[in-house]
Amino acid sequence: MTHYWLLKSEPNAYSIDDLKRDGSTSWDGVRNYLARNYMRDQMKIGDMVLFYHSNTEPIGVVGVAKVTKEAHPDITALDMAGHHHDPKSTPENPIWCMVDISYTGHLVRPVTLDDMKEDPQLAGMVVIQKGSRLSVQPVSEAHFKRVCELGKGIEQ
C-alpha cells in the first residue's frame, strides 16, 4: 500500500532542481524525533512525496518524488565537522535515519501554501495547520492527488 508524504527543504540548501540534476538523494539531516519516526517506521519503497520549498517566496509544493530506499542510518550525524553532527549518535547506536528519494517531476505550476490554505479540499492537511514546522509530514492520498491537480500535473 502506497503512503504519501510531504518533505520540506529550503531551496538554497537542496531544491527540486538539485534533485532533478542528481536523480536521487538521501534525505538526511532530519533532527526531529517525530519526523525521524515517520521515516524509520512508516516510509516504504514506492511511497510518493510532495517536495516542498520552505523559507523562500513563494513557499509551497514544487514537485514530486518517490521513496527508493527505506530508513537507514543518517551518517551526517557522525560527521563532527558537519552541520548535522549529533555527538549522541554513534555507529553502534545511530539515533537518526534517512531515506532515499528519486526525482519524479516538477509540478507544472507550484502550489503555494496560500493556494493550499484556500482550497477546501485540502482542509486538515498538516502543512496548513498553524505552527506546523515538521520537515517530514504524512499526507492523505486525496490531498496528494489534489495538490498535483492544483499544480496542473507533473512534468518531467
Protein backbone atom coordinates (compact mmCIF):
# COMPACT_ATOMS: atom_id res chain seq x y z
CA MET A 1 0.00 0.00 0.00
CA THR A 2 1.40 3.36 -1.04
CA HIS A 3 1.69 6.11 1.54
CA TYR A 4 2.09 9.79 0.79
CA TRP A 5 4.39 12.36 2.36
CA LEU A 6 5.44 15.97 2.25
CA LEU A 7 9.15 16.73 2.63
CA LYS A 8 10.27 20.31 3.26
CA SER A 9 13.57 21.71 2.09
CA GLU A 10 14.94 25.20 1.80
CA PRO A 11 15.82 25.64 -1.88
CA ASN A 12 19.16 27.25 -1.03
CA ALA A 13 20.07 24.04 0.85
CA TYR A 14 18.58 21.46 -1.56
CA SER A 15 15.97 22.25 -4.20
CA ILE A 16 13.77 20.30 -6.57
CA ASP A 17 16.20 21.38 -9.31
CA ASP A 18 19.03 19.78 -7.33
CA LEU A 19 17.02 16.57 -7.07
CA LYS A 20 16.31 16.64 -10.81
CA ARG A 21 20.04 17.12 -11.52
CA ASP A 22 21.06 14.35 -9.09
CA GLY A 23 18.24 11.96 -9.94
CA SER A 24 18.12 10.75 -6.33
CA THR A 25 19.39 11.70 -2.91
CA SER A 26 19.45 10.62 0.72
CA TRP A 27 17.06 12.74 2.79
CA ASP A 28 19.48 13.44 5.61
CA GLY A 29 19.78 15.95 8.42
CA VAL A 30 16.34 15.38 9.97
CA ARG A 31 16.72 16.11 13.69
CA ASN A 32 13.16 15.92 14.95
CA TYR A 33 12.07 12.70 16.64
CA LEU A 34 8.55 12.62 15.18
CA ALA A 35 9.86 13.26 11.66
CA ARG A 36 12.52 10.59 12.21
CA ASN A 37 9.89 8.14 13.39
CA TYR A 38 7.81 8.72 10.26
CA MET A 39 10.84 7.93 8.12
CA ARG A 40 12.00 5.00 10.25
CA ASP A 41 8.66 3.34 10.95
CA GLN A 42 6.34 4.22 8.09
CA MET A 43 8.11 5.27 4.89
CA LYS A 44 8.37 2.43 2.39
CA ILE A 45 9.83 1.99 -1.08
CA GLY A 46 7.33 3.29 -3.61
CA ASP A 47 5.75 5.86 -1.31
CA MET A 48 5.11 9.18 -3.05
CA VAL A 49 6.44 12.54 -1.86
CA LEU A 50 5.35 16.14 -2.33
CA PHE A 51 8.57 18.19 -2.50
CA TYR A 52 8.00 21.47 -0.63
CA HIS A 53 10.19 24.57 -0.76
CA SER A 54 10.24 26.46 2.55
CA ASN A 55 11.91 29.70 3.58
CA THR A 56 11.54 31.23 0.11
CA GLU A 57 8.97 33.21 -1.82
CA PRO A 58 6.57 31.76 -2.53
CA ILE A 59 6.65 28.73 -0.25
CA GLY A 60 4.86 25.64 -1.43
CA VAL A 61 4.93 22.34 -3.27
CA VAL A 62 7.10 22.43 -6.38
CA GLY A 63 7.49 18.79 -7.37
CA VAL A 64 7.05 15.11 -6.74
CA ALA A 65 9.49 12.37 -5.73
CA LYS A 66 9.35 8.71 -4.76
CA VAL A 67 10.90 6.82 -1.85
CA THR A 68 13.53 4.44 -3.27
CA LYS A 69 15.25 3.20 -0.11
CA GLU A 70 13.78 2.70 3.34
CA ALA A 71 15.29 4.13 6.51
CA HIS A 72 18.98 3.62 7.11
CA PRO A 73 21.42 5.36 9.49
CA ASP A 74 22.00 9.03 8.79
CA ILE A 75 25.78 9.21 8.52
CA THR A 76 25.75 13.02 8.65
CA ALA A 77 25.11 12.71 12.39
CA LEU A 78 28.58 11.17 12.75
CA ASP A 79 30.46 13.88 10.84
CA MET A 80 31.99 16.03 13.59
CA ALA A 81 32.71 18.86 11.16
CA GLY A 82 29.25 18.74 9.60
CA HIS A 83 26.22 20.92 10.13
CA HIS A 84 24.07 17.94 11.21
CA HIS A 85 26.51 16.36 13.68
CA ASP A 86 24.99 14.81 16.80
CA PRO A 87 27.54 13.70 19.43
CA LYS A 88 24.99 11.30 20.94
CA SER A 89 24.73 9.32 17.71
CA THR A 90 27.36 6.60 17.18
CA PRO A 91 27.93 3.90 14.57
CA GLU A 92 26.82 1.34 17.17
CA ASN A 93 23.75 3.37 18.18
CA PRO A 94 22.65 5.58 15.30
CA ILE A 95 19.90 7.86 16.61
CA TRP A 96 18.98 9.41 13.29
CA CYS A 97 17.96 7.90 9.99
CA MET A 98 17.39 8.93 6.42
CA VAL A 99 15.51 7.59 3.42
CA ASP A 100 16.45 7.86 -0.23
CA ILE A 101 14.17 9.56 -2.72
CA SER A 102 14.26 9.89 -6.50
CA TYR A 103 13.02 12.64 -8.77
CA THR A 104 9.64 12.10 -10.39
CA GLY A 105 8.97 15.58 -11.77
CA HIS A 106 8.24 19.25 -11.25
CA LEU A 107 4.68 20.42 -10.89
CA VAL A 108 3.68 22.42 -13.97
CA ARG A 109 2.67 25.19 -11.58
CA PRO A 110 3.92 25.43 -7.97
CA VAL A 111 1.14 25.10 -5.38
CA THR A 112 1.75 27.76 -2.78
CA LEU A 113 0.93 27.50 0.89
CA ASP A 114 -1.75 30.16 0.32
CA ASP A 115 -3.25 28.05 -2.51
CA MET A 116 -3.44 25.09 -0.14
CA LYS A 117 -4.97 27.13 2.69
CA GLU A 118 -7.65 28.48 0.34
CA ASP A 119 -8.67 25.09 -1.08
CA PRO A 120 -11.44 23.47 0.99
CA GLN A 121 -10.46 20.02 -0.35
CA LEU A 122 -7.13 20.37 1.48
CA ALA A 123 -8.63 21.09 4.90
CA GLY A 124 -6.83 19.05 7.54
CA MET A 125 -3.54 18.88 5.68
CA VAL A 126 -0.74 19.06 8.26
CA VAL A 127 1.28 21.68 6.38
CA ILE A 128 -1.54 24.24 6.52
CA GLN A 129 -2.10 23.89 10.25
CA LYS A 130 -0.88 26.81 12.31
CA GLY A 131 2.54 26.15 13.84
CA SER A 132 3.24 23.14 11.63
CA ARG A 133 7.00 23.04 11.17
CA LEU A 134 7.78 19.35 10.70
CA SER A 135 10.04 18.71 7.71
CA VAL A 136 8.53 15.24 7.18
CA GLN A 137 4.73 15.01 7.23
CA PRO A 138 2.16 12.40 6.27
CA VAL A 139 -0.28 13.36 3.51
CA SER A 140 -3.50 11.59 2.59
CA GLU A 141 -3.87 10.14 -0.89
CA ALA A 142 -6.73 12.56 -1.59
CA HIS A 143 -4.59 15.55 -0.54
CA PHE A 144 -1.65 14.30 -2.62
CA LYS A 145 -3.83 13.98 -5.71
CA ARG A 146 -5.47 17.37 -5.13
CA VAL A 147 -2.11 19.15 -4.81
CA CYS A 148 -0.95 17.53 -8.06
CA GLU A 149 -4.22 18.61 -9.68
CA LEU A 150 -3.76 22.20 -8.49
CA GLY A 151 -0.20 22.03 -9.82
CA LYS A 152 -1.57 21.16 -13.28
CA GLY A 153 0.16 17.78 -13.24
CA ILE A 154 3.75 16.63 -13.23
CA GLU A 155 6.28 17.48 -15.95
CA GLN A 156 9.49 15.51 -16.14
